[in-house]
Amino acid sequence: MVIAPNLLQQLLFDVMFFFEAQMQTVFGDTATLYILFIYRLLGAVMIAWMISLLFILAGPFRQGQREGWYAVTASIVVWFLIDSGFSISTGFWQNAVFNTILFVLFLIPLAATYHHFHDVSNSKKLDSIV
């Protein structure tokens, strides 16, 4: 994003939110810059969230601590419900569809590891799965 800052905007953002080329001209320069600022800020928050999840996965989750599984699961469920709810309520159903795809991709490994965290005999180490 530093080397080619507009590449992601053109490949993903414009495709998702500006289906017609004329729609981008509806906003003035100030509004367009503000929209880009908000989405870049949200991107930074998402990156920070993923770094936090990485540390949870490398620590408590890998050690088989039930709290690690709950931390990952709760953060993903809360993100999905809030983000998708706001997306649908404001008319951006496309984002809710995208969220649903990501949500399912997150849930697959969580469902696969559920029994390792909730079976007392398997809750010591998860090195074999992570």
N, C-alpha and C. Protein backbone atom coordinates (compact mmCIF):
# COMPACT_ATOMS: atom_id res chain seq x y z
N MET A 1 0.81 -1.18 0.00
CA MET A 1 0.00 0.00 0.00
C MET A 1 0.86 1.25 0.00
N VAL A 2 2.05 1.15 0.52
CA VAL A 2 2.94 2.30 0.52
C VAL A 2 3.51 2.52 -0.87
N ILE A 3 3.88 1.43 -1.54
CA ILE A 3 4.48 1.53 -2.87
C ILE A 3 3.45 1.91 -3.92
N ALA A 4 2.28 1.31 -3.86
CA ALA A 4 1.21 1.57 -4.84
C ALA A 4 -0.09 1.86 -4.10
N PRO A 5 -0.23 3.07 -3.51
CA PRO A 5 -1.38 3.34 -2.65
C PRO A 5 -2.73 3.26 -3.34
N ASN A 6 -2.79 3.51 -4.63
CA ASN A 6 -4.08 3.49 -5.31
C ASN A 6 -4.45 2.13 -5.88
N LEU A 7 -3.52 1.18 -5.86
CA LEU A 7 -3.77 -0.13 -6.45
C LEU A 7 -4.92 -0.85 -5.74
N LEU A 8 -4.87 -0.92 -4.42
CA LEU A 8 -5.93 -1.59 -3.68
C LEU A 8 -7.26 -0.86 -3.86
N GLN A 9 -7.21 0.46 -3.88
CA GLN A 9 -8.43 1.23 -4.09
C GLN A 9 -9.07 0.89 -5.43
N GLN A 10 -8.26 0.81 -6.47
CA GLN A 10 -8.79 0.53 -7.81
C GLN A 10 -9.27 -0.91 -7.94
N LEU A 11 -8.56 -1.85 -7.32
CA LEU A 11 -8.91 -3.27 -7.48
C LEU A 11 -10.06 -3.72 -6.59
N LEU A 12 -10.18 -3.16 -5.39
CA LEU A 12 -11.18 -3.66 -4.46
C LEU A 12 -12.21 -2.60 -4.09
N PHE A 13 -11.76 -1.48 -3.59
CA PHE A 13 -12.67 -0.45 -3.09
C PHE A 13 -13.59 0.06 -4.18
N ASP A 14 -13.03 0.47 -5.32
CA ASP A 14 -13.85 1.00 -6.40
C ASP A 14 -14.82 -0.04 -6.94
N VAL A 15 -14.39 -1.28 -7.02
CA VAL A 15 -15.26 -2.35 -7.53
C VAL A 15 -16.43 -2.59 -6.58
N MET A 16 -16.16 -2.55 -5.26
CA MET A 16 -17.23 -2.82 -4.28
C MET A 16 -18.20 -1.66 -4.13
N PHE A 17 -17.71 -0.42 -4.17
CA PHE A 17 -18.56 0.70 -3.82
C PHE A 17 -18.87 1.67 -4.96
N PHE A 18 -18.11 1.65 -6.00
CA PHE A 18 -18.35 2.54 -7.12
C PHE A 18 -18.50 1.71 -8.39
N PHE A 19 -19.65 1.05 -8.53
CA PHE A 19 -19.86 0.14 -9.64
C PHE A 19 -19.84 0.88 -10.97
N GLU A 20 -20.32 2.12 -10.98
CA GLU A 20 -20.33 2.91 -12.21
C GLU A 20 -19.28 4.00 -12.07
N ALA A 21 -18.58 4.25 -13.16
CA ALA A 21 -17.50 5.25 -13.12
C ALA A 21 -18.02 6.63 -12.72
N GLN A 22 -19.26 6.96 -13.09
CA GLN A 22 -19.80 8.29 -12.79
C GLN A 22 -20.05 8.50 -11.30
N MET A 23 -20.24 7.42 -10.55
CA MET A 23 -20.56 7.58 -9.13
C MET A 23 -19.42 8.22 -8.35
N GLN A 24 -18.19 7.98 -8.77
CA GLN A 24 -17.07 8.57 -8.04
C GLN A 24 -17.04 10.08 -8.24
N THR A 25 -17.56 10.56 -9.34
CA THR A 25 -17.56 12.00 -9.58
C THR A 25 -18.68 12.70 -8.81
N VAL A 26 -19.61 11.95 -8.22
CA VAL A 26 -20.69 12.54 -7.44
C VAL A 26 -20.12 13.25 -6.21
N PHE A 27 -19.09 12.69 -5.62
CA PHE A 27 -18.46 13.28 -4.45
C PHE A 27 -17.43 14.31 -4.88
N GLY A 28 -17.31 15.36 -4.12
CA GLY A 28 -16.25 16.32 -4.38
C GLY A 28 -14.92 15.80 -3.89
N ASP A 29 -13.87 16.58 -4.12
CA ASP A 29 -12.53 16.16 -3.70
C ASP A 29 -12.44 15.96 -2.19
N THR A 30 -13.05 16.87 -1.42
CA THR A 30 -12.98 16.78 0.04
C THR A 30 -13.68 15.52 0.54
N ALA A 31 -14.86 15.24 0.03
CA ALA A 31 -15.59 14.04 0.46
C ALA A 31 -14.85 12.78 0.05
N THR A 32 -14.29 12.76 -1.15
CA THR A 32 -13.55 11.59 -1.61
C THR A 32 -12.34 11.34 -0.73
N LEU A 33 -11.61 12.40 -0.38
CA LEU A 33 -10.46 12.25 0.51
C LEU A 33 -10.89 11.75 1.89
N TYR A 34 -12.03 12.25 2.38
CA TYR A 34 -12.51 11.81 3.69
C TYR A 34 -12.91 10.33 3.65
N ILE A 35 -13.57 9.92 2.59
CA ILE A 35 -13.95 8.51 2.45
C ILE A 35 -12.70 7.64 2.44
N LEU A 36 -11.70 8.04 1.68
CA LEU A 36 -10.45 7.28 1.63
C LEU A 36 -9.76 7.27 2.99
N PHE A 37 -9.80 8.40 3.70
CA PHE A 37 -9.22 8.47 5.04
C PHE A 37 -9.89 7.47 5.98
N ILE A 38 -11.22 7.45 5.98
CA ILE A 38 -11.97 6.54 6.86
C ILE A 38 -11.63 5.09 6.56
N TYR A 39 -11.59 4.74 5.28
CA TYR A 39 -11.30 3.34 4.94
C TYR A 39 -9.86 2.97 5.24
N ARG A 40 -8.95 3.90 5.10
CA ARG A 40 -7.56 3.61 5.46
C ARG A 40 -7.42 3.48 6.97
N LEU A 41 -8.14 4.31 7.71
CA LEU A 41 -8.14 4.22 9.17
C LEU A 41 -8.72 2.88 9.62
N LEU A 42 -9.82 2.48 9.01
CA LEU A 42 -10.41 1.18 9.33
C LEU A 42 -9.45 0.04 8.98
N GLY A 43 -8.72 0.20 7.90
CA GLY A 43 -7.72 -0.80 7.53
C GLY A 43 -6.65 -0.93 8.60
N ALA A 44 -6.22 0.20 9.15
CA ALA A 44 -5.21 0.18 10.21
C ALA A 44 -5.75 -0.53 11.45
N VAL A 45 -7.02 -0.28 11.79
CA VAL A 45 -7.63 -0.95 12.94
C VAL A 45 -7.71 -2.45 12.69
N MET A 46 -8.08 -2.85 11.48
CA MET A 46 -8.16 -4.28 11.15
C MET A 46 -6.79 -4.94 11.25
N ILE A 47 -5.76 -4.25 10.78
CA ILE A 47 -4.40 -4.81 10.87
C ILE A 47 -4.00 -4.98 12.33
N ALA A 48 -4.29 -3.98 13.16
CA ALA A 48 -3.97 -4.08 14.59
C ALA A 48 -4.74 -5.24 15.24
N TRP A 49 -5.99 -5.42 14.85
CA TRP A 49 -6.79 -6.53 15.38
C TRP A 49 -6.17 -7.87 14.98
N MET A 50 -5.74 -7.98 13.74
CA MET A 50 -5.13 -9.23 13.29
C MET A 50 -3.80 -9.51 14.00
N ILE A 51 -3.04 -8.47 14.30
CA ILE A 51 -1.80 -8.66 15.05
C ILE A 51 -2.12 -9.16 16.46
N SER A 52 -3.15 -8.59 17.08
CA SER A 52 -3.57 -9.08 18.40
C SER A 52 -3.99 -10.54 18.33
N LEU A 53 -4.75 -10.89 17.30
CA LEU A 53 -5.16 -12.29 17.13
C LEU A 53 -3.96 -13.20 16.92
N LEU A 54 -2.96 -12.70 16.20
CA LEU A 54 -1.75 -13.50 15.98
C LEU A 54 -1.08 -13.85 17.30
N PHE A 55 -0.98 -12.87 18.20
CA PHE A 55 -0.38 -13.13 19.51
C PHE A 55 -1.23 -14.08 20.35
N ILE A 56 -2.55 -13.98 20.23
CA ILE A 56 -3.42 -14.92 20.93
C ILE A 56 -3.22 -16.32 20.37
N LEU A 57 -3.14 -16.43 19.05
CA LEU A 57 -2.93 -17.74 18.42
C LEU A 57 -1.58 -18.34 18.80
N ALA A 58 -0.55 -17.50 18.85
CA ALA A 58 0.80 -17.99 19.16
C ALA A 58 0.97 -18.32 20.64
N GLY A 59 0.14 -17.74 21.49
CA GLY A 59 0.26 -17.97 22.93
C GLY A 59 -0.83 -18.88 23.46
N PRO A 60 -1.90 -18.29 24.01
CA PRO A 60 -2.93 -19.09 24.68
C PRO A 60 -3.59 -20.15 23.79
N PHE A 61 -3.85 -19.80 22.54
CA PHE A 61 -4.50 -20.76 21.64
C PHE A 61 -3.60 -21.96 21.40
N ARG A 62 -2.35 -21.71 21.10
CA ARG A 62 -1.40 -22.80 20.83
C ARG A 62 -1.16 -23.67 22.06
N GLN A 63 -1.22 -23.04 23.23
CA GLN A 63 -1.02 -23.78 24.48
C GLN A 63 -2.27 -24.55 24.91
N GLY A 64 -3.33 -24.44 24.12
CA GLY A 64 -4.55 -25.18 24.42
C GLY A 64 -5.42 -24.56 25.49
N GLN A 65 -5.18 -23.29 25.79
CA GLN A 65 -5.99 -22.62 26.80
C GLN A 65 -7.34 -22.26 26.19
N ARG A 66 -8.37 -22.63 26.88
CA ARG A 66 -9.73 -22.38 26.40
C ARG A 66 -9.98 -20.90 26.14
N GLU A 67 -9.35 -20.04 26.94
CA GLU A 67 -9.52 -18.60 26.78
C GLU A 67 -9.02 -18.13 25.41
N GLY A 68 -7.98 -18.77 24.91
CA GLY A 68 -7.47 -18.43 23.58
C GLY A 68 -8.50 -18.68 22.50
N TRP A 69 -9.17 -19.81 22.59
CA TRP A 69 -10.21 -20.15 21.61
C TRP A 69 -11.37 -19.16 21.72
N TYR A 70 -11.77 -18.86 22.97
CA TYR A 70 -12.87 -17.91 23.17
C TYR A 70 -12.51 -16.50 22.70
N ALA A 71 -11.28 -16.07 22.92
CA ALA A 71 -10.86 -14.73 22.49
C ALA A 71 -10.95 -14.60 20.98
N VAL A 72 -10.46 -15.59 20.27
CA VAL A 72 -10.51 -15.56 18.80
C VAL A 72 -11.96 -15.61 18.33
N THR A 73 -12.72 -16.55 18.86
CA THR A 73 -14.11 -16.73 18.43
C THR A 73 -14.96 -15.51 18.73
N ALA A 74 -14.85 -14.99 19.94
CA ALA A 74 -15.65 -13.83 20.33
C ALA A 74 -15.33 -12.61 19.48
N SER A 75 -14.05 -12.36 19.22
CA SER A 75 -13.70 -11.18 18.43
C SER A 75 -14.23 -11.29 17.00
N ILE A 76 -14.22 -12.48 16.44
CA ILE A 76 -14.71 -12.67 15.07
C ILE A 76 -16.24 -12.57 15.02
N VAL A 77 -16.92 -13.15 16.00
CA VAL A 77 -18.38 -13.08 16.02
C VAL A 77 -18.84 -11.65 16.22
N VAL A 78 -18.22 -10.93 17.15
CA VAL A 78 -18.60 -9.54 17.41
C VAL A 78 -18.35 -8.68 16.17
N TRP A 79 -17.18 -8.84 15.53
CA TRP A 79 -16.90 -8.11 14.29
C TRP A 79 -17.98 -8.38 13.25
N PHE A 80 -18.28 -9.66 13.03
CA PHE A 80 -19.25 -10.04 12.00
C PHE A 80 -20.62 -9.42 12.27
N LEU A 81 -21.11 -9.55 13.49
CA LEU A 81 -22.44 -9.04 13.81
C LEU A 81 -22.53 -7.53 13.68
N ILE A 82 -21.56 -6.81 14.23
CA ILE A 82 -21.61 -5.35 14.18
C ILE A 82 -21.38 -4.84 12.76
N ASP A 83 -20.33 -5.30 12.11
CA ASP A 83 -20.00 -4.82 10.77
C ASP A 83 -21.12 -5.16 9.78
N SER A 84 -21.59 -6.39 9.81
CA SER A 84 -22.64 -6.79 8.87
C SER A 84 -23.97 -6.10 9.19
N GLY A 85 -24.26 -5.94 10.47
CA GLY A 85 -25.48 -5.23 10.86
C GLY A 85 -25.49 -3.80 10.36
N PHE A 86 -24.39 -3.09 10.58
CA PHE A 86 -24.30 -1.72 10.07
C PHE A 86 -24.32 -1.68 8.55
N SER A 87 -23.68 -2.64 7.93
CA SER A 87 -23.65 -2.68 6.46
C SER A 87 -25.06 -2.84 5.90
N ILE A 88 -25.82 -3.76 6.45
CA ILE A 88 -27.18 -3.99 5.96
C ILE A 88 -28.08 -2.81 6.28
N SER A 89 -27.97 -2.27 7.50
CA SER A 89 -28.85 -1.16 7.90
C SER A 89 -28.58 0.12 7.12
N THR A 90 -27.39 0.26 6.56
CA THR A 90 -27.08 1.46 5.77
C THR A 90 -27.14 1.20 4.27
N GLY A 91 -27.57 0.00 3.89
CA GLY A 91 -27.76 -0.29 2.47
C GLY A 91 -26.57 -0.86 1.74
N PHE A 92 -25.51 -1.19 2.46
CA PHE A 92 -24.32 -1.75 1.82
C PHE A 92 -24.29 -3.27 2.01
N TRP A 93 -25.27 -3.94 1.42
CA TRP A 93 -25.39 -5.38 1.56
C TRP A 93 -24.19 -6.11 0.97
N GLN A 94 -23.51 -5.49 -0.01
CA GLN A 94 -22.34 -6.13 -0.62
C GLN A 94 -21.27 -6.41 0.42
N ASN A 95 -21.09 -5.49 1.35
CA ASN A 95 -20.10 -5.69 2.40
C ASN A 95 -20.52 -6.83 3.32
N ALA A 96 -21.81 -6.94 3.59
CA ALA A 96 -22.31 -8.05 4.42
C ALA A 96 -22.07 -9.39 3.74
N VAL A 97 -22.21 -9.44 2.42
CA VAL A 97 -21.92 -10.67 1.68
C VAL A 97 -20.44 -11.02 1.81
N PHE A 98 -19.58 -10.02 1.62
CA PHE A 98 -18.14 -10.21 1.76
C PHE A 98 -17.80 -10.67 3.18
N ASN A 99 -18.42 -10.04 4.18
CA ASN A 99 -18.20 -10.43 5.58
C ASN A 99 -18.62 -11.87 5.83
N THR A 100 -19.72 -12.29 5.23
CA THR A 100 -20.21 -13.66 5.42
C THR A 100 -19.21 -14.67 4.89
N ILE A 101 -18.62 -14.38 3.74
CA ILE A 101 -17.60 -15.28 3.18
C ILE A 101 -16.41 -15.37 4.13
N LEU A 102 -15.93 -14.23 4.61
CA LEU A 102 -14.80 -14.23 5.55
C LEU A 102 -15.18 -14.94 6.86
N PHE A 103 -16.38 -14.70 7.33
CA PHE A 103 -16.85 -15.31 8.58
C PHE A 103 -16.83 -16.83 8.48
N VAL A 104 -17.32 -17.36 7.38
CA VAL A 104 -17.31 -18.81 7.18
C VAL A 104 -15.87 -19.33 7.14
N LEU A 105 -14.99 -18.59 6.45
CA LEU A 105 -13.59 -19.02 6.39
C LEU A 105 -12.93 -19.01 7.76
N PHE A 106 -13.31 -18.08 8.63
CA PHE A 106 -12.80 -18.06 10.00
C PHE A 106 -13.40 -19.20 10.83
N LEU A 107 -14.67 -19.48 10.62
CA LEU A 107 -15.35 -20.48 11.44
C LEU A 107 -14.90 -21.91 11.16
N ILE A 108 -14.47 -22.19 9.96
CA ILE A 108 -14.05 -23.56 9.63
C ILE A 108 -12.95 -24.05 10.57
N PRO A 109 -11.82 -23.32 10.72
CA PRO A 109 -10.80 -23.82 11.65
C PRO A 109 -11.23 -23.74 13.12
N LEU A 110 -12.08 -22.78 13.45
CA LEU A 110 -12.56 -22.71 14.84
C LEU A 110 -13.44 -23.91 15.17
N ALA A 111 -14.29 -24.28 14.25
CA ALA A 111 -15.12 -25.47 14.46
C ALA A 111 -14.26 -26.73 14.53
N ALA A 112 -13.23 -26.78 13.70
CA ALA A 112 -12.35 -27.95 13.69
C ALA A 112 -11.55 -28.10 14.98
N THR A 113 -11.27 -27.00 15.65
CA THR A 113 -10.48 -27.06 16.89
C THR A 113 -11.34 -27.04 18.15
N TYR A 114 -12.64 -26.88 18.01
CA TYR A 114 -13.53 -26.76 19.17
C TYR A 114 -13.33 -27.90 20.17
N HIS A 115 -13.35 -29.13 19.70
CA HIS A 115 -13.26 -30.26 20.63
C HIS A 115 -11.91 -30.33 21.34
N HIS A 116 -10.87 -29.77 20.76
CA HIS A 116 -9.56 -29.77 21.43
C HIS A 116 -9.55 -28.84 22.64
N PHE A 117 -10.37 -27.81 22.59
CA PHE A 117 -10.42 -26.86 23.69
C PHE A 117 -11.48 -27.21 24.73
N HIS A 118 -12.39 -28.06 24.37
CA HIS A 118 -13.49 -28.39 25.28
C HIS A 118 -13.45 -29.83 25.75
N ASP A 119 -12.40 -30.54 25.41
CA ASP A 119 -12.17 -31.90 25.91
C ASP A 119 -10.99 -31.81 26.88
N VAL A 120 -11.23 -32.11 28.14
CA VAL A 120 -10.21 -31.96 29.19
C VAL A 120 -8.94 -32.72 28.85
N SER A 121 -9.03 -33.87 28.26
CA SER A 121 -7.84 -34.68 27.99
C SER A 121 -6.98 -34.11 26.86
N ASN A 122 -7.54 -33.25 26.00
CA ASN A 122 -6.78 -32.70 24.87
C ASN A 122 -6.39 -31.24 25.05
N SER A 123 -6.63 -30.65 26.19
CA SER A 123 -6.47 -29.21 26.31
C SER A 123 -5.08 -28.76 26.74
N LYS A 124 -4.08 -29.61 26.70
CA LYS A 124 -2.73 -29.20 27.11
C LYS A 124 -1.97 -28.49 26.00
N LYS A 125 -1.76 -29.12 24.87
CA LYS A 125 -0.98 -28.53 23.77
C LYS A 125 -1.66 -28.80 22.45
N LEU A 126 -1.60 -27.80 21.58
CA LEU A 126 -2.19 -27.95 20.26
C LEU A 126 -1.13 -27.83 19.17
N ASP A 127 0.11 -28.12 19.51
CA ASP A 127 1.18 -28.00 18.52
C ASP A 127 0.92 -28.85 17.28
N SER A 128 0.21 -29.93 17.44
CA SER A 128 -0.03 -30.80 16.29
C SER A 128 -1.00 -30.19 15.29
N ILE A 129 -1.84 -29.23 15.72
CA ILE A 129 -2.77 -28.64 14.77
C ILE A 129 -2.39 -27.24 14.34
N VAL A 130 -1.66 -26.50 15.14
CA VAL A 130 -1.30 -25.13 14.75
C VAL A 130 0.16 -24.98 14.48
